[in-house]
Protein backbone atom coordinates (compact mmCIF):
# COMPACT_ATOMS: atom_id res chain seq x y z
CA MET A 1 43.60 107.18 15.81
CA ILE A 2 47.01 108.97 15.05
CA LYS A 3 48.30 106.14 12.77
CA LYS A 4 44.85 106.66 10.86
CA SER A 5 45.24 110.39 10.55
CA ILE A 6 48.71 109.94 9.40
CA PHE A 7 47.81 107.58 6.74
CA ILE A 8 45.11 109.87 5.51
CA THR A 9 47.48 112.80 5.31
CA LYS A 10 50.01 110.60 3.38
CA SER A 11 47.54 109.52 0.83
CA LYS A 12 46.58 113.17 0.24
CA ILE A 13 49.97 114.18 -0.09
CA VAL A 14 50.68 111.55 -2.58
CA ARG A 15 47.60 112.84 -4.39
CA ILE A 16 48.50 116.30 -4.40
CA TRP A 17 52.10 115.93 -5.20
CA PRO A 18 52.21 115.10 -8.80
CA GLU A 19 49.82 118.08 -9.60
CA LEU A 20 52.13 120.27 -7.64
CA ILE A 21 55.13 119.15 -9.69
CA LEU A 22 53.36 119.46 -13.13
CA ASN A 23 52.08 122.95 -12.11
CA SER A 24 55.62 124.10 -11.42
CA VAL A 25 57.01 122.46 -14.45
CA GLN A 26 54.33 124.15 -16.42
CA ASN A 27 55.17 127.39 -14.75
CA PHE A 28 58.71 127.10 -15.55
CA ILE A 29 58.15 126.39 -19.13
CA ASN A 30 55.94 129.09 -19.65
CA THR A 31 58.44 131.56 -18.09
CA GLU A 32 60.94 130.24 -20.13
CA ARG A 33 58.99 130.65 -23.14
CA LYS A 34 58.24 134.02 -22.13
CA ILE A 35 61.81 135.04 -21.85
CA LEU A 36 62.58 133.40 -25.31
CA VAL A 37 59.97 135.45 -27.02
CA HIS A 38 61.12 138.57 -25.51
CA ALA A 39 64.61 137.74 -26.42
CA LEU A 40 63.62 137.08 -29.96
CA ILE A 41 61.68 140.21 -30.20
CA ALA A 42 64.56 142.46 -28.59
CA ALA A 43 67.05 140.48 -31.23
CA THR A 44 64.79 141.23 -34.15
CA ALA A 45 64.24 144.69 -33.08
CA LEU A 46 68.15 145.15 -32.82
CA GLN A 47 68.58 143.74 -35.98
CA PHE A 48 66.14 146.20 -37.60
CA ALA A 49 67.68 149.08 -36.07
CA HIS A 50 71.24 148.11 -37.24
CA PHE A 51 70.33 146.77 -40.74
CA PRO A 52 67.24 148.63 -42.15
CA GLN A 53 67.89 146.40 -45.50
CA LEU A 54 67.22 143.19 -43.46
CA LYS A 55 63.73 144.71 -42.52
CA ALA A 56 62.86 144.74 -46.29
CA LEU A 57 64.13 141.25 -46.78
CA SER A 58 62.21 139.71 -43.99
CA LEU A 59 59.07 141.40 -44.95
CA VAL A 60 59.55 139.85 -48.35
CA LYS A 61 59.84 136.40 -46.76
């Protein structure tokens, strides 16, 4: 009986494990992307604050 239950839990873990890894990787990627986007926004905002003429140039592009 014990052996059987151990086997069942092992197969469940094997089934769940890849999903957990995928989810954590996706969460990590999403978090990284958000950080990058915020960094880009901050950098462009700083650029605009320091160089108003760049704002006109980037709007033309």
